[in-house]
Amino acid sequence: MAFRTELFSRPRPGEQTQYGAHLALLHVMCKADRSDLGVRPADFPRLARELAR
């Protein structure tokens, strides 16, 4: 059910720029840093949304 609410929710104007910045930061991290944190590339969008809030 959470997917459905995420699908139809509108992002806040300031949140959109922060989301892009956090997503770029996650993509720049090296593979060793990501494995230390236990983050997979499939988790990037979810993590960026949480950090932007």
PDB file of N, CA and C in Angstrom:
ATOM      1  N   MET A   1       0.810  -1.187   0.000  1.00  0.00           N
ATOM      2  CA  MET A   1       0.000   0.000   0.000  1.00  0.00           C
ATOM      3  C   MET A   1       0.866   1.269   0.000  1.00  0.00           C
ATOM      4  N   ALA A   2       2.051   1.183   0.583  1.00  0.00           N
ATOM      5  CA  ALA A   2       2.924   2.352   0.616  1.00  0.00           C
ATOM      6  C   ALA A   2       3.343   2.761  -0.793  1.00  0.00           C
ATOM      7  N   PHE A   3       3.509   1.777  -1.676  1.00  0.00           N
ATOM      8  CA  PHE A   3       3.890   2.098  -3.043  1.00  0.00           C
ATOM      9  C   PHE A   3       2.825   2.950  -3.705  1.00  0.00           C
ATOM     10  N   ARG A   4       1.593   2.641  -3.481  1.00  0.00           N
ATOM     11  CA  ARG A   4       0.505   3.395  -4.107  1.00  0.00           C
ATOM     12  C   ARG A   4       0.506   4.839  -3.620  1.00  0.00           C
ATOM     13  N   THR A   5       0.714   5.068  -2.340  1.00  0.00           N
ATOM     14  CA  THR A   5       0.719   6.446  -1.851  1.00  0.00           C
ATOM     15  C   THR A   5       1.948   7.193  -2.352  1.00  0.00           C
ATOM     16  N   GLU A   6       3.095   6.519  -2.489  1.00  0.00           N
ATOM     17  CA  GLU A   6       4.280   7.170  -3.039  1.00  0.00           C
ATOM     18  C   GLU A   6       4.076   7.529  -4.502  1.00  0.00           C
ATOM     19  N   LEU A   7       3.372   6.694  -5.213  1.00  0.00           N
ATOM     20  CA  LEU A   7       3.149   6.902  -6.633  1.00  0.00           C
ATOM     21  C   LEU A   7       2.329   8.165  -6.885  1.00  0.00           C
ATOM     22  N   PHE A   8       1.360   8.451  -6.030  1.00  0.00           N
ATOM     23  CA  PHE A   8       0.457   9.569  -6.261  1.00  0.00           C
ATOM     24  C   PHE A   8       0.783  10.807  -5.429  1.00  0.00           C
ATOM     25  N   SER A   9       1.766  10.745  -4.577  1.00  0.00           N
ATOM     26  CA  SER A   9       2.096  11.916  -3.766  1.00  0.00           C
ATOM     27  C   SER A   9       2.935  12.897  -4.579  1.00  0.00           C
ATOM     28  N   ARG A  10       2.745  14.153  -4.317  1.00  0.00           N
ATOM     29  CA  ARG A  10       3.495  15.185  -5.028  1.00  0.00           C
ATOM     30  C   ARG A  10       4.709  15.589  -4.208  1.00  0.00           C
ATOM     31  N   PRO A  11       5.870  15.733  -4.833  1.00  0.00           N
ATOM     32  CA  PRO A  11       7.048  16.178  -4.079  1.00  0.00           C
ATOM     33  C   PRO A  11       6.936  17.659  -3.732  1.00  0.00           C
ATOM     34  N   ARG A  12       7.520  18.041  -2.629  1.00  0.00           N
ATOM     35  CA  ARG A  12       7.553  19.446  -2.247  1.00  0.00           C
ATOM     36  C   ARG A  12       8.583  20.159  -3.112  1.00  0.00           C
ATOM     37  N   PRO A  13       8.385  21.431  -3.423  1.00  0.00           N
ATOM     38  CA  PRO A  13       9.304  22.133  -4.334  1.00  0.00           C
ATOM     39  C   PRO A  13      10.766  22.110  -3.884  1.00  0.00           C
ATOM     40  N   GLY A  14      11.047  22.390  -2.639  1.00  0.00           N
ATOM     41  CA  GLY A  14      12.425  22.392  -2.158  1.00  0.00           C
ATOM     42  C   GLY A  14      12.997  20.988  -2.034  1.00  0.00           C
ATOM     43  N   GLU A  15      12.119  20.037  -1.840  1.00  0.00           N
ATOM     44  CA  GLU A  15      12.538  18.656  -1.667  1.00  0.00           C
ATOM     45  C   GLU A  15      13.101  18.068  -2.956  1.00  0.00           C
ATOM     46  N   GLN A  16      12.632  18.546  -4.090  1.00  0.00           N
ATOM     47  CA  GLN A  16      13.061  18.009  -5.378  1.00  0.00           C
ATOM     48  C   GLN A  16      14.545  18.280  -5.636  1.00  0.00           C
ATOM     49  N   THR A  17      15.028  19.459  -5.307  1.00  0.00           N
ATOM     50  CA  THR A  17      16.447  19.771  -5.511  1.00  0.00           C
ATOM     51  C   THR A  17      17.318  18.994  -4.535  1.00  0.00           C
ATOM     52  N   GLN A  18      16.853  18.854  -3.300  1.00  0.00           N
ATOM     53  CA  GLN A  18      17.598  18.078  -2.310  1.00  0.00           C
ATOM     54  C   GLN A  18      17.648  16.611  -2.711  1.00  0.00           C
ATOM     55  N   TYR A  19      16.551  16.105  -3.258  1.00  0.00           N
ATOM     56  CA  TYR A  19      16.507  14.717  -3.711  1.00  0.00           C
ATOM     57  C   TYR A  19      17.569  14.468  -4.782  1.00  0.00           C
ATOM     58  N   GLY A  20      17.675  15.370  -5.733  1.00  0.00           N
ATOM     59  CA  GLY A  20      18.674  15.236  -6.794  1.00  0.00           C
ATOM     60  C   GLY A  20      20.090  15.270  -6.256  1.00  0.00           C
ATOM     61  N   ALA A  21      20.327  16.143  -5.286  1.00  0.00           N
ATOM     62  CA  ALA A  21      21.666  16.251  -4.696  1.00  0.00           C
ATOM     63  C   ALA A  21      22.029  14.983  -3.924  1.00  0.00           C
ATOM     64  N   HIS A  22      21.099  14.459  -3.163  1.00  0.00           N
ATOM     65  CA  HIS A  22      21.373  13.244  -2.394  1.00  0.00           C
ATOM     66  C   HIS A  22      21.532  12.028  -3.306  1.00  0.00           C
ATOM     67  N   LEU A  23      20.763  11.981  -4.364  1.00  0.00           N
ATOM     68  CA  LEU A  23      20.886  10.870  -5.314  1.00  0.00           C
ATOM     69  C   LEU A  23      22.249  10.911  -6.000  1.00  0.00           C
ATOM     70  N   ALA A  24      22.704  12.096  -6.360  1.00  0.00           N
ATOM     71  CA  ALA A  24      24.029  12.233  -6.975  1.00  0.00           C
ATOM     72  C   ALA A  24      25.124  11.826  -5.995  1.00  0.00           C
ATOM     73  N   LEU A  25      24.961  12.185  -4.740  1.00  0.00           N
ATOM     74  CA  LEU A  25      25.939  11.817  -3.720  1.00  0.00           C
ATOM     75  C   LEU A  25      26.023  10.301  -3.562  1.00  0.00           C
ATOM     76  N   LEU A  26      24.895   9.634  -3.599  1.00  0.00           N
ATOM     77  CA  LEU A  26      24.891   8.168  -3.481  1.00  0.00           C
ATOM     78  C   LEU A  26      25.562   7.509  -4.681  1.00  0.00           C
ATOM     79  N   HIS A  27      25.386   8.097  -5.857  1.00  0.00           N
ATOM     80  CA  HIS A  27      26.000   7.527  -7.057  1.00  0.00           C
ATOM     81  C   HIS A  27      27.518   7.733  -7.074  1.00  0.00           C
ATOM     82  N   VAL A  28      28.011   8.781  -6.412  1.00  0.00           N
ATOM     83  CA  VAL A  28      29.436   9.091  -6.413  1.00  0.00           C
ATOM     84  C   VAL A  28      30.217   8.193  -5.445  1.00  0.00           C
ATOM     85  N   MET A  29      29.536   7.668  -4.445  1.00  0.00           N
ATOM     86  CA  MET A  29      30.218   6.830  -3.450  1.00  0.00           C
ATOM     87  C   MET A  29      30.865   5.621  -4.119  1.00  0.00           C
ATOM     88  N   CYS A  30      32.046   5.249  -3.641  1.00  0.00           N
ATOM     89  CA  CYS A  30      32.713   4.078  -4.206  1.00  0.00           C
ATOM     90  C   CYS A  30      32.037   2.801  -3.685  1.00  0.00           C
ATOM     91  N   LYS A  31      32.289   1.722  -4.367  1.00  0.00           N
ATOM     92  CA  LYS A  31      31.639   0.452  -4.051  1.00  0.00           C
ATOM     93  C   LYS A  31      31.974  -0.029  -2.643  1.00  0.00           C
ATOM     94  N   ALA A  32      33.201   0.208  -2.184  1.00  0.00           N
ATOM     95  CA  ALA A  32      33.608  -0.223  -0.841  1.00  0.00           C
ATOM     96  C   ALA A  32      32.826   0.534   0.234  1.00  0.00           C
ATOM     97  N   ASP A  33      32.621   1.845   0.028  1.00  0.00           N
ATOM     98  CA  ASP A  33      31.854   2.634   0.999  1.00  0.00           C
ATOM     99  C   ASP A  33      30.404   2.171   1.054  1.00  0.00           C
ATOM    100  N   ARG A  34      29.846   1.882  -0.115  1.00  0.00           N
ATOM    101  CA  ARG A  34      28.455   1.411  -0.140  1.00  0.00           C
ATOM    102  C   ARG A  34      28.319   0.063   0.547  1.00  0.00           C
ATOM    103  N   SER A  35      29.284  -0.829   0.362  1.00  0.00           N
ATOM    104  CA  SER A  35      29.190  -2.134   0.996  1.00  0.00           C
ATOM    105  C   SER A  35      29.370  -2.031   2.503  1.00  0.00           C
ATOM    106  N   ASP A  36      30.187  -1.077   2.970  1.00  0.00           N
ATOM    107  CA  ASP A  36      30.332  -0.859   4.412  1.00  0.00           C
ATOM    108  C   ASP A  36      29.014  -0.424   5.044  1.00  0.00           C
ATOM    109  N   LEU A  37      28.270   0.396   4.322  1.00  0.00           N
ATOM    110  CA  LEU A  37      26.990   0.881   4.825  1.00  0.00           C
ATOM    111  C   LEU A  37      25.848  -0.105   4.574  1.00  0.00           C
ATOM    112  N   GLY A  38      26.073  -1.066   3.702  1.00  0.00           N
ATOM    113  CA  GLY A  38      25.023  -2.025   3.367  1.00  0.00           C
ATOM    114  C   GLY A  38      23.991  -1.462   2.417  1.00  0.00           C
ATOM    115  N   VAL A  39      24.417  -0.568   1.537  1.00  0.00           N
ATOM    116  CA  VAL A  39      23.515   0.084   0.588  1.00  0.00           C
ATOM    117  C   VAL A  39      23.714  -0.518  -0.797  1.00  0.00           C
ATOM    118  N   ARG A  40      22.617  -0.888  -1.426  1.00  0.00           N
ATOM    119  CA  ARG A  40      22.661  -1.399  -2.795  1.00  0.00           C
ATOM    120  C   ARG A  40      22.131  -0.324  -3.742  1.00  0.00           C
ATOM    121  N   PRO A  41      22.541  -0.353  -5.007  1.00  0.00           N
ATOM    122  CA  PRO A  41      22.046   0.657  -5.961  1.00  0.00           C
ATOM    123  C   PRO A  41      20.521   0.682  -6.083  1.00  0.00           C
ATOM    124  N   ALA A  42      19.863  -0.425  -5.841  1.00  0.00           N
ATOM    125  CA  ALA A  42      18.402  -0.442  -5.912  1.00  0.00           C
ATOM    126  C   ALA A  42      17.771   0.381  -4.792  1.00  0.00           C
ATOM    127  N   ASP A  43      18.507   0.620  -3.726  1.00  0.00           N
ATOM    128  CA  ASP A  43      18.003   1.394  -2.589  1.00  0.00           C
ATOM    129  C   ASP A  43      18.201   2.895  -2.748  1.00  0.00           C
ATOM    130  N   PHE A  44      18.927   3.334  -3.760  1.00  0.00           N
ATOM    131  CA  PHE A  44      19.259   4.749  -3.921  1.00  0.00           C
ATOM    132  C   PHE A  44      18.041   5.669  -3.944  1.00  0.00           C
ATOM    133  N   PRO A  45      17.019   5.411  -4.754  1.00  0.00           N
ATOM    134  CA  PRO A  45      15.879   6.340  -4.779  1.00  0.00           C
ATOM    135  C   PRO A  45      15.181   6.451  -3.423  1.00  0.00           C
ATOM    136  N   ARG A  46      15.018   5.339  -2.742  1.00  0.00           N
ATOM    137  CA  ARG A  46      14.353   5.370  -1.439  1.00  0.00           C
ATOM    138  C   ARG A  46      15.181   6.159  -0.422  1.00  0.00           C
ATOM    139  N   LEU A  47      16.472   5.907  -0.395  1.00  0.00           N
ATOM    140  CA  LEU A  47      17.346   6.622   0.548  1.00  0.00           C
ATOM    141  C   LEU A  47      17.393   8.118   0.243  1.00  0.00           C
ATOM    142  N   ALA A  48      17.447   8.472  -1.026  1.00  0.00           N
ATOM    143  CA  ALA A  48      17.483   9.892  -1.398  1.00  0.00           C
ATOM    144  C   ALA A  48      16.200  10.593  -0.986  1.00  0.00           C
ATOM    145  N   ARG A  49      15.048   9.915  -1.122  1.00  0.00           N
ATOM    146  CA  ARG A  49      13.786  10.516  -0.688  1.00  0.00           C
ATOM    147  C   ARG A  49      13.770  10.721   0.817  1.00  0.00           C
ATOM    148  N   GLU A  50      14.277   9.728   1.570  1.00  0.00           N
ATOM    149  CA  GLU A  50      14.298   9.867   3.029  1.00  0.00           C
ATOM    150  C   GLU A  50      15.234  10.985   3.467  1.00  0.00           C
ATOM    151  N   LEU A  51      16.384  11.109   2.823  1.00  0.00           N
ATOM    152  CA  LEU A  51      17.325  12.160   3.187  1.00  0.00           C
ATOM    153  C   LEU A  51      16.817  13.544   2.808  1.00  0.00           C
ATOM    154  N   ALA A  52      16.022  13.646   1.764  1.00  0.00           N
ATOM    155  CA  ALA A  52      15.516  14.938   1.315  1.00  0.00           C
ATOM    156  C   ALA A  52      14.455  15.497   2.246  1.00  0.00           C
ATOM    157  N   ARG A  53      13.830  14.647   3.015  1.00  0.00           N
ATOM    158  CA  ARG A  53      12.771  15.127   3.927  1.00  0.00           C
ATOM    159  C   ARG A  53      13.305  15.793   5.099  1.00  0.00           C
TER     160      ARG A  53
END
